[in-house]
PDB file of N, CA and C in Angstrom:
ATOM      1  N   MET A   1     103.923  51.719 159.550  1.00  0.00           N
ATOM      2  CA  MET A   1     103.173  52.893 159.906  1.00  0.00           C
ATOM      3  C   MET A   1     104.088  54.121 159.986  1.00  0.00           C
ATOM      4  N   LYS A   2     105.324  53.911 160.485  1.00  0.00           N
ATOM      5  CA  LYS A   2     106.227  55.064 160.601  1.00  0.00           C
ATOM      6  C   LYS A   2     106.631  55.578 159.215  1.00  0.00           C
ATOM      7  N   TYR A   3     106.696  54.695 158.192  1.00  0.00           N
ATOM      8  CA  TYR A   3     107.016  55.149 156.827  1.00  0.00           C
ATOM      9  C   TYR A   3     105.873  55.964 156.235  1.00  0.00           C
ATOM     10  N   LEU A   4     104.646  55.549 156.519  1.00  0.00           N
ATOM     11  CA  LEU A   4     103.478  56.297 156.067  1.00  0.00           C
ATOM     12  C   LEU A   4     103.445  57.676 156.708  1.00  0.00           C
ATOM     13  N   PHE A   5     103.742  57.751 158.004  1.00  0.00           N
ATOM     14  CA  PHE A   5     103.779  59.031 158.703  1.00  0.00           C
ATOM     15  C   PHE A   5     104.895  59.927 158.143  1.00  0.00           C
ATOM     16  N   ALA A   6     106.071  59.344 157.876  1.00  0.00           N
ATOM     17  CA  ALA A   6     107.181  60.120 157.323  1.00  0.00           C
ATOM     18  C   ALA A   6     106.836  60.645 155.934  1.00  0.00           C
ATOM     19  N   ALA A   7     106.160  59.823 155.137  1.00  0.00           N
ATOM     20  CA  ALA A   7     105.752  60.263 153.795  1.00  0.00           C
ATOM     21  C   ALA A   7     104.730  61.389 153.887  1.00  0.00           C
ATOM     22  N   ALA A   8     103.788  61.288 154.832  1.00  0.00           N
ATOM     23  CA  ALA A   8     102.777  62.334 155.002  1.00  0.00           C
ATOM     24  C   ALA A   8     103.431  63.649 155.427  1.00  0.00           C
ATOM     25  N   VAL A   9     104.402  63.575 156.323  1.00  0.00           N
ATOM     26  CA  VAL A   9     105.113  64.786 156.758  1.00  0.00           C
ATOM     27  C   VAL A   9     105.884  65.394 155.597  1.00  0.00           C
ATOM     28  N   LEU A  10     106.518  64.555 154.792  1.00  0.00           N
ATOM     29  CA  LEU A  10     107.278  65.039 153.643  1.00  0.00           C
ATOM     30  C   LEU A  10     106.380  65.725 152.625  1.00  0.00           C
ATOM     31  N   VAL A  11     105.246  65.131 152.307  1.00  0.00           N
ATOM     32  CA  VAL A  11     104.303  65.721 151.345  1.00  0.00           C
ATOM     33  C   VAL A  11     103.738  67.029 151.880  1.00  0.00           C
ATOM     34  N   THR A  12     103.383  67.055 153.156  1.00  0.00           N
ATOM     35  CA  THR A  12     102.854  68.283 153.759  1.00  0.00           C
ATOM     36  C   THR A  12     103.886  69.400 153.724  1.00  0.00           C
ATOM     37  N   THR A  13     105.118  69.073 154.024  1.00  0.00           N
ATOM     38  CA  THR A  13     106.190  70.074 153.983  1.00  0.00           C
ATOM     39  C   THR A  13     106.409  70.586 152.567  1.00  0.00           C
ATOM     40  N   ALA A  14     106.346  69.697 151.577  1.00  0.00           N
ATOM     41  CA  ALA A  14     106.548  70.102 150.187  1.00  0.00           C
ATOM     42  C   ALA A  14     105.442  71.045 149.737  1.00  0.00           C
ATOM     43  N   PHE A  15     104.184  70.734 150.091  1.00  0.00           N
ATOM     44  CA  PHE A  15     103.077  71.593 149.682  1.00  0.00           C
ATOM     45  C   PHE A  15     103.045  72.899 150.458  1.00  0.00           C
ATOM     46  N   ALA A  16     103.570  72.930 151.655  1.00  0.00           N
ATOM     47  CA  ALA A  16     103.595  74.157 152.442  1.00  0.00           C
ATOM     48  C   ALA A  16     104.562  75.174 151.836  1.00  0.00           C
ATOM     49  N   GLY A  17     105.584  74.709 151.142  1.00  0.00           N
ATOM     50  CA  GLY A  17     106.557  75.610 150.535  1.00  0.00           C
ATOM     51  C   GLY A  17     106.115  76.181 149.206  1.00  0.00           C
ATOM     52  N   ILE A  18     105.042  75.648 148.635  1.00  0.00           N
ATOM     53  CA  ILE A  18     104.553  76.133 147.342  1.00  0.00           C
ATOM     54  C   ILE A  18     103.553  77.253 147.589  1.00  0.00           C
ATOM     55  N   SER A  19     103.731  78.380 146.915  1.00  0.00           N
ATOM     56  CA  SER A  19     102.787  79.486 147.034  1.00  0.00           C
ATOM     57  C   SER A  19     102.354  79.913 145.639  1.00  0.00           C
ATOM     58  N   ALA A  20     101.359  80.752 145.586  1.00  0.00           N
ATOM     59  CA  ALA A  20     100.865  81.241 144.303  1.00  0.00           C
ATOM     60  C   ALA A  20     101.919  82.133 143.643  1.00  0.00           C
ATOM     61  N   ALA A  21     101.915  82.168 142.332  1.00  0.00           N
ATOM     62  CA  ALA A  21     102.871  82.998 141.600  1.00  0.00           C
ATOM     63  C   ALA A  21     102.579  84.468 141.857  1.00  0.00           C
ATOM     64  N   ASP A  22     103.604  85.230 142.113  1.00  0.00           N
ATOM     65  CA  ASP A  22     103.459  86.657 142.376  1.00  0.00           C
ATOM     66  C   ASP A  22     103.770  87.401 141.082  1.00  0.00           C
ATOM     67  N   ALA A  23     102.741  87.625 140.265  1.00  0.00           N
ATOM     68  CA  ALA A  23     102.948  88.232 138.957  1.00  0.00           C
ATOM     69  C   ALA A  23     103.354  89.696 139.049  1.00  0.00           C
ATOM     70  N   ALA A  24     103.017  90.354 140.132  1.00  0.00           N
ATOM     71  CA  ALA A  24     103.339  91.770 140.255  1.00  0.00           C
ATOM     72  C   ALA A  24     104.793  91.989 140.642  1.00  0.00           C
ATOM     73  N   GLY A  25     105.541  90.933 140.922  1.00  0.00           N
ATOM     74  CA  GLY A  25     106.949  91.077 141.274  1.00  0.00           C
ATOM     75  C   GLY A  25     107.149  91.707 142.638  1.00  0.00           C
ATOM     76  N   GLY A  26     106.157  91.601 143.505  1.00  0.00           N
ATOM     77  CA  GLY A  26     106.282  92.159 144.843  1.00  0.00           C
ATOM     78  C   GLY A  26     105.831  93.598 144.944  1.00  0.00           C
ATOM     79  N   CYS A  27     105.320  94.170 143.873  1.00  0.00           N
ATOM     80  CA  CYS A  27     104.886  95.568 143.892  1.00  0.00           C
ATOM     81  C   CYS A  27     103.443  95.741 144.343  1.00  0.00           C
ATOM     82  N   GLY A  28     102.640  94.689 144.285  1.00  0.00           N
ATOM     83  CA  GLY A  28     101.245  94.783 144.695  1.00  0.00           C
ATOM     84  C   GLY A  28     100.320  94.878 143.502  1.00  0.00           C
ATOM     85  N   PRO A  29      99.008  94.770 143.751  1.00  0.00           N
ATOM     86  CA  PRO A  29      98.051  94.821 142.654  1.00  0.00           C
ATOM     87  C   PRO A  29      98.048  96.187 141.971  1.00  0.00           C
ATOM     88  N   GLY A  30      97.993  96.177 140.659  1.00  0.00           N
ATOM     89  CA  GLY A  30      97.985  97.432 139.898  1.00  0.00           C
ATOM     90  C   GLY A  30      99.365  97.986 139.613  1.00  0.00           C
ATOM     91  N   TRP A  31     100.408  97.270 140.003  1.00  0.00           N
ATOM     92  CA  TRP A  31     101.784  97.722 139.791  1.00  0.00           C
ATOM     93  C   TRP A  31     102.599  96.574 139.211  1.00  0.00           C
ATOM     94  N   HIS A  32     103.707  96.879 138.572  1.00  0.00           N
ATOM     95  CA  HIS A  32     104.622  95.864 138.047  1.00  0.00           C
ATOM     96  C   HIS A  32     106.040  96.406 138.093  1.00  0.00           C
ATOM     97  N   ARG A  33     107.017  95.518 137.893  1.00  0.00           N
ATOM     98  CA  ARG A  33     108.422  95.933 137.890  1.00  0.00           C
ATOM     99  C   ARG A  33     108.766  96.597 136.570  1.00  0.00           C
ATOM    100  N   GLY A  34     109.454  97.726 136.628  1.00  0.00           N
ATOM    101  CA  GLY A  34     109.885  98.433 135.433  1.00  0.00           C
ATOM    102  C   GLY A  34     111.222  97.902 134.943  1.00  0.00           C
ATOM    103  N   PRO A  35     111.774  98.523 133.890  1.00  0.00           N
ATOM    104  CA  PRO A  35     113.020  98.027 133.320  1.00  0.00           C
ATOM    105  C   PRO A  35     114.221  98.151 134.257  1.00  0.00           C
ATOM    106  N   TYR A  36     114.169  99.049 135.229  1.00  0.00           N
ATOM    107  CA  TYR A  36     115.293  99.216 136.145  1.00  0.00           C
ATOM    108  C   TYR A  36     115.009  98.641 137.532  1.00  0.00           C
ATOM    109  N   GLY A  37     113.923  97.837 137.648  1.00  0.00           N
ATOM    110  CA  GLY A  37     113.632  97.163 138.896  1.00  0.00           C
ATOM    111  C   GLY A  37     112.686  97.888 139.824  1.00  0.00           C
ATOM    112  N   GLY A  38     112.325  99.125 139.513  1.00  0.00           N
ATOM    113  CA  GLY A  38     111.401  99.859 140.367  1.00  0.00           C
ATOM    114  C   GLY A  38     109.954  99.504 140.069  1.00  0.00           C
ATOM    115  N   CYS A  39     109.057  99.839 140.990  1.00  0.00           N
ATOM    116  CA  CYS A  39     107.631  99.574 140.793  1.00  0.00           C
ATOM    117  C   CYS A  39     107.019 100.668 139.929  1.00  0.00           C
ATOM    118  N   VAL A  40     106.247 100.246 138.920  1.00  0.00           N
ATOM    119  CA  VAL A  40     105.617 101.160 137.981  1.00  0.00           C
ATOM    120  C   VAL A  40     104.127 100.848 137.951  1.00  0.00           C
ATOM    121  N   ARG A  41     103.281 101.903 137.949  1.00  0.00           N
ATOM    122  CA  ARG A  41     101.831 101.694 137.915  1.00  0.00           C
ATOM    123  C   ARG A  41     101.427 101.145 136.552  1.00  0.00           C
ATOM    124  N   ASN A  42     100.506 100.161 136.566  1.00  0.00           N
ATOM    125  CA  ASN A  42      99.980  99.618 135.320  1.00  0.00           C
ATOM    126  C   ASN A  42      99.145 100.667 134.608  1.00  0.00           C
ATOM    127  N   ARG A  43      99.142 100.609 133.301  1.00  0.00           N
ATOM    128  CA  ARG A  43      98.287 101.500 132.525  1.00  0.00           C
ATOM    129  C   ARG A  43      96.887 100.922 132.513  1.00  0.00           C
ATOM    130  N   GLY A  44      95.995 101.522 131.741  1.00  0.00           N
ATOM    131  CA  GLY A  44      94.606 101.073 131.663  1.00  0.00           C
ATOM    132  C   GLY A  44      94.487  99.678 131.081  1.00  0.00           C
ATOM    133  N   PRO A  45      93.255  99.208 130.915  1.00  0.00           N
ATOM    134  CA  PRO A  45      93.052  97.858 130.386  1.00  0.00           C
ATOM    135  C   PRO A  45      93.569  97.738 128.960  1.00  0.00           C
ATOM    136  N   VAL A  46      94.043  96.559 128.629  1.00  0.00           N
ATOM    137  CA  VAL A  46      94.575  96.303 127.296  1.00  0.00           C
ATOM    138  C   VAL A  46      93.430  95.823 126.421  1.00  0.00           C
ATOM    139  N   VAL A  47      93.234  96.501 125.281  1.00  0.00           N
ATOM    140  CA  VAL A  47      92.196  96.119 124.328  1.00  0.00           C
ATOM    141  C   VAL A  47      92.898  95.617 123.084  1.00  0.00           C
ATOM    142  N   VAL A  48      92.591  94.391 122.694  1.00  0.00           N
ATOM    143  CA  VAL A  48      93.214  93.802 121.506  1.00  0.00           C
ATOM    144  C   VAL A  48      92.205  93.840 120.383  1.00  0.00           C
ATOM    145  N   ALA A  49      92.517  94.608 119.345  1.00  0.00           N
ATOM    146  CA  ALA A  49      91.640  94.715 118.176  1.00  0.00           C
ATOM    147  C   ALA A  49      91.976  93.602 117.194  1.00  0.00           C
ATOM    148  N   PRO A  50      91.028  93.236 116.333  1.00  0.00           N
ATOM    149  CA  PRO A  50      91.337  92.218 115.333  1.00  0.00           C
ATOM    150  C   PRO A  50      92.521  92.660 114.475  1.00  0.00           C
ATOM    151  N   GLY A  51      93.432  91.723 114.231  1.00  0.00           N
ATOM    152  CA  GLY A  51      94.651  92.046 113.497  1.00  0.00           C
ATOM    153  C   GLY A  51      94.414  92.199 112.004  1.00  0.00           C
ATOM    154  N   ALA A  52      95.357  92.852 111.375  1.00  0.00           N
ATOM    155  CA  ALA A  52      95.307  93.032 109.931  1.00  0.00           C
ATOM    156  C   ALA A  52      95.754  91.745 109.244  1.00  0.00           C
ATOM    157  N   VAL A  53      95.345  91.593 108.010  1.00  0.00           N
ATOM    158  CA  VAL A  53      95.747  90.434 107.231  1.00  0.00           C
ATOM    159  C   VAL A  53      97.190  90.629 106.783  1.00  0.00           C
ATOM    160  N   VAL A  54      98.037  89.652 107.073  1.00  0.00           N
ATOM    161  CA  VAL A  54      99.447  89.733 106.708  1.00  0.00           C
ATOM    162  C   VAL A  54      99.661  88.882 105.468  1.00  0.00           C
ATOM    163  N   VAL A  55     100.211  89.518 104.442  1.00  0.00           N
ATOM    164  CA  VAL A  55     100.480  88.815 103.195  1.00  0.00           C
ATOM    165  C   VAL A  55     101.982  88.793 102.986  1.00  0.00           C
ATOM    166  N   GLU A  56     102.539  87.624 102.771  1.00  0.00           N
ATOM    167  CA  GLU A  56     103.970  87.505 102.557  1.00  0.00           C
ATOM    168  C   GLU A  56     104.328  88.011 101.166  1.00  0.00           C
ATOM    169  N   ARG A  57     105.471  88.700 101.075  1.00  0.00           N
ATOM    170  CA  ARG A  57     105.902  89.222  99.780  1.00  0.00           C
ATOM    171  C   ARG A  57     106.262  88.066  98.858  1.00  0.00           C
ATOM    172  N   PRO A  58     105.820  88.142  97.612  1.00  0.00           N
ATOM    173  CA  PRO A  58     106.115  87.032  96.694  1.00  0.00           C
ATOM    174  C   PRO A  58     107.550  87.096  96.171  1.00  0.00           C
ATOM    175  N   VAL A  59     108.034  85.971  95.725  1.00  0.00           N
ATOM    176  CA  VAL A  59     109.332  85.915  95.067  1.00  0.00           C
ATOM    177  C   VAL A  59     109.123  86.327  93.619  1.00  0.00           C
ATOM    178  N   VAL A  60     109.908  87.291  93.167  1.00  0.00           N
ATOM    179  CA  VAL A  60     109.764  87.795  91.807  1.00  0.00           C
ATOM    180  C   VAL A  60     110.702  87.017  90.901  1.00  0.00           C
ATOM    181  N   VAL A  61     110.137  86.454  89.860  1.00  0.00           N
ATOM    182  CA  VAL A  61     110.938  85.684  88.911  1.00  0.00           C
ATOM    183  C   VAL A  61     111.162  86.546  87.681  1.00  0.00           C
ATOM    184  N   ALA A  62     112.417  86.860  87.405  1.00  0.00           N
ATOM    185  CA  ALA A  62     112.770  87.660  86.239  1.00  0.00           C
ATOM    186  C   ALA A  62     112.842  86.744  85.021  1.00  0.00           C
ATOM    187  N   PRO A  63     112.710  87.320  83.818  1.00  0.00           N
ATOM    188  CA  PRO A  63     112.842  86.479  82.624  1.00  0.00           C
ATOM    189  C   PRO A  63     114.229  85.861  82.560  1.00  0.00           C
ATOM    190  N   GLY A  64     114.287  84.582  82.399  1.00  0.00           N
ATOM    191  CA  GLY A  64     115.570  83.890  82.359  1.00  0.00           C
ATOM    192  C   GLY A  64     115.778  83.109  83.636  1.00  0.00           C
ATOM    193  N   PRO A  65     116.970  82.634  83.868  1.00  0.00           N
ATOM    194  CA  PRO A  65     117.220  81.779  85.026  1.00  0.00           C
ATOM    195  C   PRO A  65     117.447  82.535  86.335  1.00  0.00           C
ATOM    196  N   VAL A  66     117.343  83.870  86.356  1.00  0.00           N
ATOM    197  CA  VAL A  66     117.630  84.662  87.554  1.00  0.00           C
ATOM    198  C   VAL A  66     116.375  84.748  88.424  1.00  0.00           C
ATOM    199  N   VAL A  67     116.497  84.447  89.719  1.00  0.00           N
ATOM    200  CA  VAL A  67     115.397  84.583  90.664  1.00  0.00           C
ATOM    201  C   VAL A  67     115.755  85.682  91.648  1.00  0.00           C
ATOM    202  N   VAL A  68     114.878  86.665  91.778  1.00  0.00           N
ATOM    203  CA  VAL A  68     115.100  87.783  92.690  1.00  0.00           C
ATOM    204  C   VAL A  68     114.163  87.599  93.872  1.00  0.00           C
ATOM    205  N   ALA A  69     114.712  87.478  95.069  1.00  0.00           N
ATOM    206  CA  ALA A  69     113.909  87.312  96.276  1.00  0.00           C
ATOM    207  C   ALA A  69     114.171  88.477  97.221  1.00  0.00           C
ATOM    208  N   PRO A  70     113.179  88.864  98.010  1.00  0.00           N
ATOM    209  CA  PRO A  70     113.405  89.956  98.960  1.00  0.00           C
ATOM    210  C   PRO A  70     114.393  89.545 100.049  1.00  0.00           C
ATOM    211  N   ARG A  71     115.253  90.485 100.469  1.00  0.00           N
ATOM    212  CA  ARG A  71     116.205  90.209 101.541  1.00  0.00           C
ATOM    213  C   ARG A  71     115.504  90.334 102.875  1.00  0.00           C
ATOM    214  N   VAL A  72     115.740  89.394 103.739  1.00  0.00           N
ATOM    215  CA  VAL A  72     115.089  89.402 105.040  1.00  0.00           C
ATOM    216  C   VAL A  72     115.931  90.174 106.047  1.00  0.00           C
ATOM    217  N   ARG A  73     117.220  89.860 106.140  1.00  0.00           N
ATOM    218  CA  ARG A  73     118.112  90.543 107.072  1.00  0.00           C
ATOM    219  C   ARG A  73     119.381  90.930 106.335  1.00  0.00           C
ATOM    220  N   ALA A  74     119.873  92.102 106.662  1.00  0.00           N
ATOM    221  CA  ALA A  74     121.104  92.554 106.035  1.00  0.00           C
ATOM    222  C   ALA A  74     122.060  93.045 107.125  1.00  0.00           C
ATOM    223  N   CYS A  75     123.249  92.479 107.155  1.00  0.00           N
ATOM    224  CA  CYS A  75     124.273  92.902 108.101  1.00  0.00           C
ATOM    225  C   CYS A  75     125.355  93.640 107.335  1.00  0.00           C
ATOM    226  N   PRO A  76     126.042  94.598 107.976  1.00  0.00           N
ATOM    227  CA  PRO A  76     127.128  95.305 107.304  1.00  0.00           C
ATOM    228  C   PRO A  76     128.286  94.366 106.959  1.00  0.00           C
ATOM    229  N   TYR A  77     129.185  94.842 106.121  1.00  0.00           N
ATOM    230  CA  TYR A  77     130.344  94.061 105.708  1.00  0.00           C
ATOM    231  C   TYR A  77     131.172  93.688 106.938  1.00  0.00           C
ATOM    232  N   GLY A  78     131.553  92.425 107.045  1.00  0.00           N
ATOM    233  CA  GLY A  78     132.333  91.960 108.181  1.00  0.00           C
ATOM    234  C   GLY A  78     131.488  91.401 109.306  1.00  0.00           C
ATOM    235  N   PHE A  79     130.159  91.372 109.133  1.00  0.00           N
ATOM    236  CA  PHE A  79     129.255  90.846 110.132  1.00  0.00           C
ATOM    237  C   PHE A  79     128.400  89.745 109.510  1.00  0.00           C
ATOM    238  N   ALA A  80     127.890  88.839 110.342  1.00  0.00           N
ATOM    239  CA  ALA A  80     126.999  87.776 109.890  1.00  0.00           C
ATOM    240  C   ALA A  80     125.840  87.663 110.867  1.00  0.00           C
ATOM    241  N   TRP A  81     124.670  87.234 110.378  1.00  0.00           N
ATOM    242  CA  TRP A  81     123.494  87.093 111.235  1.00  0.00           C
ATOM    243  C   TRP A  81     123.631  85.807 112.034  1.00  0.00           C
ATOM    244  N   ARG A  82     123.847  85.922 113.335  1.00  0.00           N
ATOM    245  CA  ARG A  82     123.978  84.774 114.227  1.00  0.00           C
ATOM    246  C   ARG A  82     123.266  85.080 115.544  1.00  0.00           C
ATOM    247  N   TYR A  83     122.545  84.105 116.059  1.00  0.00           N
ATOM    248  CA  TYR A  83     121.897  84.199 117.360  1.00  0.00           C
ATOM    249  C   TYR A  83     121.006  85.435 117.504  1.00  0.00           C
ATOM    250  N   GLY A  84     120.276  85.778 116.452  1.00  0.00           N
ATOM    251  CA  GLY A  84     119.290  86.843 116.547  1.00  0.00           C
ATOM    252  C   GLY A  84     119.805  88.252 116.348  1.00  0.00           C
ATOM    253  N   ARG A  85     121.055  88.432 115.931  1.00  0.00           N
ATOM    254  CA  ARG A  85     121.563  89.784 115.645  1.00  0.00           C
ATOM    255  C   ARG A  85     122.811  89.698 114.791  1.00  0.00           C
ATOM    256  N   CYS A  86     123.288  90.841 114.274  1.00  0.00           N
ATOM    257  CA  CYS A  86     124.505  90.887 113.475  1.00  0.00           C
ATOM    258  C   CYS A  86     125.703  90.785 114.418  1.00  0.00           C
ATOM    259  N   ARG A  87     126.569  89.846 114.134  1.00  0.00           N
ATOM    260  CA  ARG A  87     127.761  89.645 114.963  1.00  0.00           C
ATOM    261  C   ARG A  87     128.997  89.673 114.062  1.00  0.00           C
ATOM    262  N   PRO A  88     130.137  90.134 114.600  1.00  0.00           N
ATOM    263  CA  PRO A  88     131.354  90.178 113.792  1.00  0.00           C
ATOM    264  C   PRO A  88     131.805  88.780 113.394  1.00  0.00           C
ATOM    265  N   ILE A  89     132.352  88.693 112.214  1.00  0.00           N
ATOM    266  CA  ILE A  89     132.823  87.386 111.715  1.00  0.00           C
ATOM    267  C   ILE A  89     134.164  87.049 112.346  1.00  0.00           C
TER     268      ILE A  89
END
């Protein structure tokens, strides 16, 4: 019986420490944290319009064995695309 009571106390303590997520970051309803940590008033409601159709650019095949493809990312000389940005080699 004492183990059951200890388990009940442990579960109650664990659930007492859990609270709802504070999405406003402590600023209150209608406010959010800005880029420098201060509270900023939310703008009006967000309206999402239907998106445009996205068409991927085709690979252009030139006459002969040469294949010309569009460049996706270009880094300056001495840099390489690593971890989401151009980094020095």
